[in-house]
Protein backbone atom coordinates (compact mmCIF):
# COMPACT_ATOMS: atom_id res chain seq x y z
CA MET A 1 18.16 26.98 -28.40
CA LYS A 2 17.40 23.78 -26.60
CA LYS A 3 19.52 22.62 -23.74
CA GLU A 4 21.08 19.23 -24.14
CA ALA A 5 19.80 16.62 -21.73
CA LEU A 6 22.52 15.50 -19.39
CA LYS A 7 23.41 11.85 -19.68
CA LYS A 8 22.95 10.21 -16.28
CA GLU A 9 25.85 8.12 -15.11
CA CYS A 10 26.55 6.28 -11.94
CA PRO A 11 28.59 8.50 -9.61
CA TYR A 12 31.68 6.28 -9.34
CA SER A 13 35.13 6.29 -10.87
CA SER A 14 35.65 5.35 -14.50
CA ALA A 15 38.11 2.56 -13.63
CA ILE A 16 35.29 0.22 -12.56
CA PRO A 17 33.18 -1.46 -15.27
CA GLN A 18 29.78 0.17 -15.81
CA ILE A 19 27.71 -2.74 -14.48
CA PHE A 20 29.47 -2.68 -11.11
CA LYS A 21 29.04 1.08 -10.88
CA CYS A 22 25.32 0.81 -11.45
CA MET A 23 24.94 -2.11 -9.05
CA GLY A 24 26.66 -0.12 -6.33
CA TYR A 25 24.44 2.86 -7.02
CA VAL A 26 21.27 0.76 -6.79
CA LEU A 27 22.42 -0.96 -3.60
CA LYS A 28 23.26 2.36 -2.04
CA SER A 29 19.95 3.97 -2.98
CA TYR A 30 17.80 1.03 -1.77
CA ALA A 31 19.72 0.17 1.41
CA GLY A 32 16.81 1.27 3.62
CA VAL A 33 14.48 -1.25 2.02
CA GLY A 34 16.96 -4.08 2.66
CA ILE A 35 17.38 -3.07 6.29
CA ALA A 36 13.60 -2.94 6.76
CA LEU A 37 13.19 -6.42 5.24
CA ALA A 38 15.94 -7.84 7.45
CA LEU A 39 14.35 -6.39 10.60
CA PHE A 40 10.94 -7.70 9.55
CA MET A 41 12.36 -11.21 9.11
CA LEU A 42 14.14 -11.11 12.47
CA VAL A 43 10.98 -10.07 14.29
CA GLY A 44 9.00 -12.80 12.52
CA LEU A 45 11.52 -15.46 13.50
CA GLN A 46 11.48 -14.33 17.12
CA ILE A 47 7.68 -14.57 17.26
CA GLU A 48 7.78 -18.04 15.68
CA GLN A 49 10.39 -19.17 18.18
CA GLN A 50 8.24 -18.00 21.10
CA TYR A 51 5.25 -20.09 20.00
CA ARG A 52 7.28 -23.15 18.99
CA GLY A 53 7.37 -24.43 22.58
CA GLN A 54 3.59 -24.17 22.89
CA ARG A 55 3.12 -26.10 19.65
CA TYR A 56 5.48 -28.85 20.77
CA MET A 57 3.79 -29.08 24.17
CA GLY A 58 0.45 -29.50 22.41
CA LYS A 59 1.90 -32.33 20.32
CA CYS A 60 3.23 -34.00 23.45
CA ILE A 61 -0.18 -33.88 25.11
CA ASN A 62 -1.82 -35.24 21.95
CA HIS A 63 0.62 -38.16 21.85
CA LEU A 64 -0.28 -39.03 25.42
CA SER A 65 -4.02 -38.80 24.63
CA ASN A 66 -4.09 -42.25 23.04
CA PRO A 67 -7.05 -44.32 24.26
CA ASP A 68 -4.81 -47.22 25.28
CA LEU A 69 -2.99 -44.95 27.75
CA LYS A 70 -5.16 -44.50 30.80
CA ILE A 71 -3.82 -41.16 32.01
CA SER A 72 -5.86 -38.22 33.25
CA GLU A 73 -5.45 -34.79 31.69
CA GLN A 74 -3.58 -33.46 34.70
CA GLU A 75 -1.15 -36.39 34.57
CA ARG A 76 -0.56 -35.79 30.84
CA ASN A 77 0.27 -32.14 31.47
CA PHE A 78 2.53 -33.08 34.36
CA ALA A 79 4.29 -35.78 32.30
CA CYS A 80 4.97 -33.43 29.36
CA ALA A 81 6.25 -30.72 31.69
CA ASN A 82 8.60 -33.18 33.41
CA ILE A 83 9.86 -34.54 30.10
CA TYR A 84 10.61 -31.01 28.93
CA ARG A 85 12.30 -30.21 32.24
CA GLU A 86 14.49 -33.32 32.05
CA SER A 87 15.67 -32.92 28.45
CA PRO A 88 14.65 -29.72 26.66
CA SER A 89 17.11 -30.34 23.82
CA LEU A 90 15.59 -33.74 22.97
CA PHE A 91 12.09 -32.34 23.35
CA GLU A 92 12.89 -29.55 20.86
CA TYR A 93 14.80 -31.88 18.51
CA TYR A 94 11.92 -34.34 18.22
CA LYS A 95 9.40 -31.46 18.04
CA GLY A 96 7.36 -32.75 20.95
CA ASN A 97 7.04 -36.28 19.56
CA ILE A 98 8.01 -37.91 22.83
CA LEU A 99 7.25 -41.44 21.68
CA LYS A 100 10.45 -41.35 19.61
CA PHE A 101 12.83 -40.89 22.52
CA MET A 102 10.97 -42.28 25.53
CA PRO A 103 11.34 -45.98 26.35
CA GLU A 104 8.46 -48.21 25.37
CA ASN A 105 5.87 -48.99 28.06
CA SER A 106 7.01 -46.02 30.13
CA PHE A 107 3.47 -44.60 30.29
CA ARG A 108 1.53 -47.80 30.91
């Protein structure tokens, strides 16, 4: 005599439609994977946020490196640092493009 194979069912009550039972079962069994992905994304965003300021500072220095502006490298670094110190929110909003929010002829 052969044993009958048991029909696998989702372990929830019979009042809920079958699709919802199976979705709940899958979500419950793969919860660890979702948590791992969420943590991975959070760590990635934190690393990106740390280096965003360096990228924007590099853009600021490049904008001040125009040949028509006669500023030394030390003065460019000092100017970008002071601009960031004065208004970090504008500096972050314009992504280091200081020519958008600084008055014209302010570096001449």
